[in-house]
Amino acid sequence: MNYRHGYHAGNFADVVKHIALVVILLHLRKKDTGFAVVDSHAGRGRYDLSGSEAGKTREAEAGIGRLRDDFSGSVPEALATYLALARENSSFYPGSPLIAAKLLRPQDRLTAIEKHPHEFAALKETLAPFRNAQAEEGDGYRRTVKLLPPPSRRGLVLMDPPFESADEFSRLAETVREAWRKFATGIYLVWYPVKSQAQAAGFVGEVLAGGMEKVLEVETTIQAPEGKLSRAGLLVINPPFGFEATMRQVAGLIAPQLDAAISIKWLAGAP
């Protein structure tokens, strides 16, 4: 598997993941106290949808491309915010570090980590205008754990690896558990592809073995050609108050446009 961001920017999984990201960031902004965001596998932060990588897969056409038109009536703040960011330039799609950077306040901080030299160089350029956003070149797993807990004890950890290695699921699960042990009150947003139900279930089980008390799963499924990603999951550890309700409302609006099924369920600590 290889889900490097450039090939899949703006696809159905990106749409759901980035809306969830915005929901969480808007929640964290409600308190004056600053918060930290750690993006473990940040990519380059901004993607040319007319470029060779996105053009090869054309996955954005079935993702953000279907949400370009306005929804009728009022929409949740998080969806409106996401769409405004995604629509700023019709040729480019913002990755998670750029979305986060644009929603930071002066007292907030972002550390975006990327190990691939060319991707890192682009990420550094993308984040250059934002004084409180820092790009780091390095191993996202190791650096994420070392950065926790943040001084403010408030924050979000986003983990969205490219799944280039055969042991990616195991390493991701191990890192999530280790990070949570150091920062148990943090919010975690963990993305993973579902190519095999057994593999996905095994990964989720490994994460839950860490003992987290509140874990919500958001899973999105579409019809896709054989060999293409058609299903992806998000684990949300310590989802903030109102997250589930907002995501259910948003899912009801975007699922028909994406021609997708979006399921939301508690895996631990259902209210």
Protein backbone atom coordinates (compact mmCIF):
# COMPACT_ATOMS: atom_id res chain seq x y z
CA MET A 1 0.00 0.00 0.00
CA ASN A 2 1.06 3.59 -0.59
CA TYR A 3 -1.26 6.41 0.33
CA ARG A 4 1.19 9.26 -0.08
CA HIS A 5 -0.84 12.42 0.17
CA GLY A 6 -0.12 13.87 -3.27
CA TYR A 7 -1.85 11.03 -5.11
CA HIS A 8 -4.99 11.16 -3.01
CA ALA A 9 -5.35 14.83 -2.11
CA GLY A 10 -8.97 15.89 -1.91
CA ASN A 11 -10.42 12.40 -2.22
CA PHE A 12 -13.40 11.15 -0.20
CA ALA A 13 -11.20 10.11 2.73
CA ASP A 14 -9.47 13.50 2.80
CA VAL A 15 -12.81 15.29 2.85
CA VAL A 16 -14.07 13.39 5.91
CA LYS A 17 -10.70 13.53 7.69
CA HIS A 18 -10.30 17.25 7.15
CA ILE A 19 -13.83 18.06 8.24
CA ALA A 20 -13.17 16.10 11.45
CA LEU A 21 -9.95 18.07 11.86
CA VAL A 22 -11.81 21.37 11.53
CA VAL A 23 -14.49 20.25 14.02
CA ILE A 24 -11.79 19.54 16.61
CA LEU A 25 -9.83 22.75 15.98
CA LEU A 26 -12.93 24.91 16.27
CA HIS A 27 -13.67 23.23 19.58
CA LEU A 28 -10.15 23.87 20.89
CA ARG A 29 -10.46 27.54 19.92
CA LYS A 30 -13.40 28.02 22.28
CA LYS A 31 -11.06 28.42 25.27
CA ASP A 32 -8.55 31.27 25.47
CA THR A 33 -5.76 28.93 26.58
CA GLY A 34 -3.47 28.04 23.73
CA PHE A 35 -3.27 24.56 22.27
CA ALA A 36 -0.75 22.53 20.31
CA VAL A 37 -1.23 20.54 17.12
CA VAL A 38 1.19 17.79 16.13
CA ASP A 39 0.86 16.44 12.58
CA SER A 40 3.01 13.31 12.44
CA HIS A 41 3.06 12.72 8.67
CA ALA A 42 2.31 16.15 7.26
CA GLY A 43 3.19 15.79 3.58
CA ARG A 44 3.79 19.00 1.68
CA GLY A 45 0.72 20.79 3.01
CA ARG A 46 -0.66 22.00 -0.32
CA TYR A 47 -1.45 20.00 -3.45
CA ASP A 48 -1.82 20.93 -7.09
CA LEU A 49 -4.94 19.13 -8.26
CA SER A 50 -3.88 19.70 -11.86
CA GLY A 51 -0.43 18.21 -11.23
CA SER A 52 0.91 14.82 -12.27
CA GLU A 53 0.25 12.98 -8.99
CA ALA A 54 -3.35 14.08 -8.51
CA GLY A 55 -3.91 13.82 -12.26
CA LYS A 56 -2.80 10.20 -12.26
CA THR A 57 -5.50 9.09 -9.81
CA ARG A 58 -8.11 11.87 -10.31
CA GLU A 59 -9.54 10.92 -6.93
CA ALA A 60 -10.32 14.53 -6.04
CA GLU A 61 -13.07 14.52 -8.66
CA ALA A 62 -15.08 12.10 -6.50
CA GLY A 63 -14.14 13.95 -3.32
CA ILE A 64 -13.83 17.72 -2.98
CA GLY A 65 -14.85 18.02 -6.64
CA ARG A 66 -18.37 16.97 -5.67
CA LEU A 67 -18.59 19.55 -2.89
CA ARG A 68 -17.71 22.62 -4.93
CA ASP A 69 -21.35 23.70 -5.17
CA ASP A 70 -23.03 25.35 -2.21
CA PHE A 71 -25.38 23.40 0.00
CA SER A 72 -28.91 24.65 0.26
CA GLY A 73 -29.81 26.20 3.60
CA SER A 74 -27.53 26.61 6.60
CA VAL A 75 -24.66 24.22 7.28
CA PRO A 76 -22.64 23.51 10.43
CA GLU A 77 -19.82 25.98 11.08
CA ALA A 78 -17.19 23.27 10.65
CA LEU A 79 -18.44 22.31 7.19
CA ALA A 80 -18.66 25.95 6.11
CA THR A 81 -15.14 26.59 7.41
CA TYR A 82 -13.73 23.53 5.67
CA LEU A 83 -15.38 24.41 2.36
CA ALA A 84 -14.08 27.99 2.55
CA LEU A 85 -10.53 26.72 3.04
CA ALA A 86 -10.85 24.08 0.31
CA ARG A 87 -12.30 26.61 -2.14
CA GLU A 88 -9.71 29.36 -1.70
CA ASN A 89 -7.97 28.19 -4.87
CA SER A 90 -9.79 25.82 -7.21
CA SER A 91 -6.50 24.38 -8.53
CA PHE A 92 -5.01 23.58 -5.15
CA TYR A 93 -6.16 21.54 -2.18
CA PRO A 94 -4.94 22.29 1.37
CA GLY A 95 -3.44 19.44 3.35
CA SER A 96 -3.94 19.04 7.08
CA PRO A 97 -0.97 21.20 8.17
CA LEU A 98 -2.17 24.14 6.09
CA ILE A 99 -5.74 23.77 7.33
CA ALA A 100 -4.46 23.69 10.91
CA ALA A 101 -2.10 26.64 10.38
CA LYS A 102 -4.92 28.80 9.05
CA LEU A 103 -7.08 28.07 12.09
CA LEU A 104 -4.43 28.75 14.71
CA ARG A 105 -4.62 31.80 16.96
CA PRO A 106 -1.47 33.66 18.10
CA GLN A 107 -1.30 31.57 21.29
CA ASP A 108 -1.56 28.22 19.46
CA ARG A 109 1.24 26.14 17.93
CA LEU A 110 1.61 23.61 15.11
CA THR A 111 4.47 21.19 14.61
CA ALA A 112 4.24 19.43 11.25
CA ILE A 113 6.64 16.53 10.68
CA GLU A 114 7.69 15.04 7.34
CA LYS A 115 10.58 12.67 6.60
CA HIS A 116 10.73 12.75 2.79
CA PRO A 117 13.21 15.54 1.85
CA HIS A 118 11.30 16.86 -1.17
CA GLU A 119 7.98 16.81 0.66
CA PHE A 120 9.59 18.50 3.65
CA ALA A 121 11.05 21.29 1.51
CA ALA A 122 7.60 21.97 0.08
CA LEU A 123 6.03 21.79 3.55
CA LYS A 124 8.51 24.31 4.92
CA GLU A 125 7.61 26.70 2.11
CA THR A 126 3.87 26.14 2.66
CA LEU A 127 4.11 26.97 6.36
CA ALA A 128 6.59 29.85 6.02
CA PRO A 129 3.89 32.57 6.26
CA PHE A 130 2.67 31.25 9.62
CA ARG A 131 4.83 32.35 12.56
CA ASN A 132 3.41 29.79 14.98
CA ALA A 133 3.65 26.81 12.61
CA GLN A 134 6.90 24.86 12.44
CA ALA A 135 7.95 22.24 9.91
CA GLU A 136 10.28 19.48 11.11
CA GLU A 137 12.14 16.95 9.00
CA GLY A 138 12.23 13.58 10.71
CA ASP A 139 10.52 10.35 11.69
CA GLY A 140 6.94 11.28 12.50
CA TYR A 141 6.44 8.43 14.92
CA ARG A 142 9.46 9.15 17.09
CA ARG A 143 9.13 12.92 17.00
CA THR A 144 5.43 12.86 17.89
CA VAL A 145 6.05 10.92 21.09
CA LYS A 146 8.95 13.20 22.06
CA LEU A 147 6.80 16.32 21.61
CA LEU A 148 4.21 15.12 24.12
CA PRO A 149 2.77 16.35 26.34
CA PRO A 150 2.65 19.94 25.06
CA PRO A 151 3.33 22.71 27.62
CA SER A 152 -0.30 23.87 27.51
CA ARG A 153 -1.60 20.33 28.15
CA ARG A 154 -4.21 21.02 25.47
CA GLY A 155 -3.94 19.77 21.96
CA LEU A 156 -4.53 17.51 19.01
CA VAL A 157 -2.32 14.80 17.54
CA LEU A 158 -3.06 13.92 13.91
CA MET A 159 -1.55 10.70 12.61
CA ASP A 160 -2.01 9.98 8.91
CA PRO A 161 0.93 7.90 7.62
CA PRO A 162 1.35 6.92 3.95
CA PHE A 163 1.34 3.16 4.70
CA GLU A 164 4.48 2.53 2.68
CA SER A 165 5.84 -0.15 5.02
CA ALA A 166 4.55 -3.65 5.67
CA ASP A 167 4.58 -3.00 9.42
CA GLU A 168 2.86 0.40 9.22
CA PHE A 169 -0.31 -0.70 11.03
CA SER A 170 1.64 -2.18 13.93
CA ARG A 171 3.95 0.80 14.24
CA LEU A 172 1.04 3.22 14.09
CA ALA A 173 -0.88 1.35 16.79
CA GLU A 174 2.20 1.16 19.00
CA THR A 175 2.89 4.88 18.61
CA VAL A 176 -0.71 5.84 19.36
CA ARG A 177 -0.59 3.82 22.57
CA GLU A 178 2.76 5.31 23.59
CA ALA A 179 1.63 8.85 22.78
CA TRP A 180 -1.59 8.41 24.74
CA ARG A 181 0.34 7.17 27.79
CA LYS A 182 2.30 10.44 27.76
CA PHE A 183 -0.66 12.71 26.95
CA ALA A 184 -3.82 10.90 28.01
CA THR A 185 -5.98 14.04 27.92
CA GLY A 186 -5.07 14.94 24.35
CA ILE A 187 -7.32 14.51 21.33
CA TYR A 188 -6.08 12.04 18.71
CA LEU A 189 -7.22 11.78 15.12
CA VAL A 190 -5.84 8.61 13.50
CA TRP A 191 -6.46 7.79 9.83
CA TYR A 192 -6.15 4.36 8.26
CA PRO A 193 -7.13 2.67 4.98
CA VAL A 194 -9.40 -0.36 5.03
CA LYS A 195 -8.27 -2.82 2.38
CA SER A 196 -8.89 -5.87 4.56
CA GLN A 197 -11.51 -6.08 7.30
CA ALA A 198 -9.32 -8.47 9.30
CA GLN A 199 -6.32 -6.15 9.06
CA ALA A 200 -8.35 -3.09 10.03
CA ALA A 201 -9.98 -4.92 12.95
CA GLY A 202 -6.58 -6.10 14.14
CA PHE A 203 -5.22 -2.56 14.03
CA VAL A 204 -8.18 -1.13 15.94
CA GLY A 205 -7.82 -3.89 18.52
CA GLU A 206 -4.14 -3.06 18.99
CA VAL A 207 -4.99 0.59 19.59
CA LEU A 208 -7.80 -0.17 22.04
CA ALA A 209 -5.46 -2.47 23.98
CA GLY A 210 -3.85 0.75 25.19
CA GLY A 211 -6.81 1.26 27.51
CA MET A 212 -8.28 4.49 26.12
CA GLU A 213 -11.61 5.26 27.74
CA LYS A 214 -13.25 7.24 24.90
CA VAL A 215 -12.80 6.19 21.27
CA LEU A 216 -15.11 7.01 18.38
CA GLU A 217 -14.80 5.49 14.91
CA VAL A 218 -15.80 7.29 11.71
CA GLU A 219 -15.73 5.02 8.67
CA THR A 220 -16.44 6.05 5.09
CA THR A 221 -17.14 3.70 2.18
CA ILE A 222 -17.60 4.46 -1.52
CA GLN A 223 -17.87 2.46 -4.72
CA ALA A 224 -14.48 2.44 -6.43
CA PRO A 225 -12.77 0.51 -9.23
CA GLU A 226 -10.96 -2.64 -8.19
CA GLY A 227 -7.58 -1.86 -6.70
CA LYS A 228 -8.60 1.66 -5.64
CA LEU A 229 -9.23 2.74 -2.08
CA SER A 230 -12.94 2.48 -1.33
CA ARG A 231 -13.02 2.48 2.46
CA ALA A 232 -11.19 4.43 5.16
CA GLY A 233 -11.46 4.87 8.88
CA LEU A 234 -10.76 7.50 11.51
CA LEU A 235 -10.21 6.74 15.15
CA VAL A 236 -10.99 9.73 17.33
CA ILE A 237 -9.59 9.32 20.83
CA ASN A 238 -11.05 11.69 23.42
CA PRO A 239 -13.48 13.29 20.94
CA PRO A 240 -14.50 16.72 22.25
CA PHE A 241 -18.00 17.54 23.39
CA GLY A 242 -20.29 17.94 20.40
CA PHE A 243 -17.97 16.18 17.96
CA GLU A 244 -20.22 13.19 17.39
CA ALA A 245 -23.35 15.28 16.87
CA THR A 246 -21.59 17.62 14.44
CA MET A 247 -20.08 14.78 12.44
CA ARG A 248 -23.46 13.06 12.18
CA GLN A 249 -25.01 16.27 10.90
CA VAL A 250 -22.21 16.82 8.40
CA ALA A 251 -22.32 13.18 7.29
CA GLY A 252 -25.99 13.55 6.47
CA LEU A 253 -25.16 16.46 4.18
CA ILE A 254 -22.03 15.23 2.41
CA ALA A 255 -22.69 11.48 2.12
CA PRO A 256 -25.24 11.88 -0.72
CA GLN A 257 -22.90 14.19 -2.65
CA LEU A 258 -19.96 11.84 -2.21
CA ASP A 259 -22.17 8.83 -2.93
CA ALA A 260 -20.76 7.40 0.27
CA ALA A 261 -21.83 5.57 3.39
CA ILE A 262 -20.49 7.19 6.56
CA SER A 263 -20.84 5.27 9.82
CA ILE A 264 -20.09 6.74 13.24
CA LYS A 265 -19.91 4.52 16.30
CA TRP A 266 -18.36 4.34 19.74
CA LEU A 267 -15.73 1.69 20.30
CA ALA A 268 -15.08 2.65 23.92
CA GLY A 269 -16.84 4.91 26.41
CA ALA A 270 -20.16 5.44 24.65
CA PRO A 271 -22.07 8.23 26.42
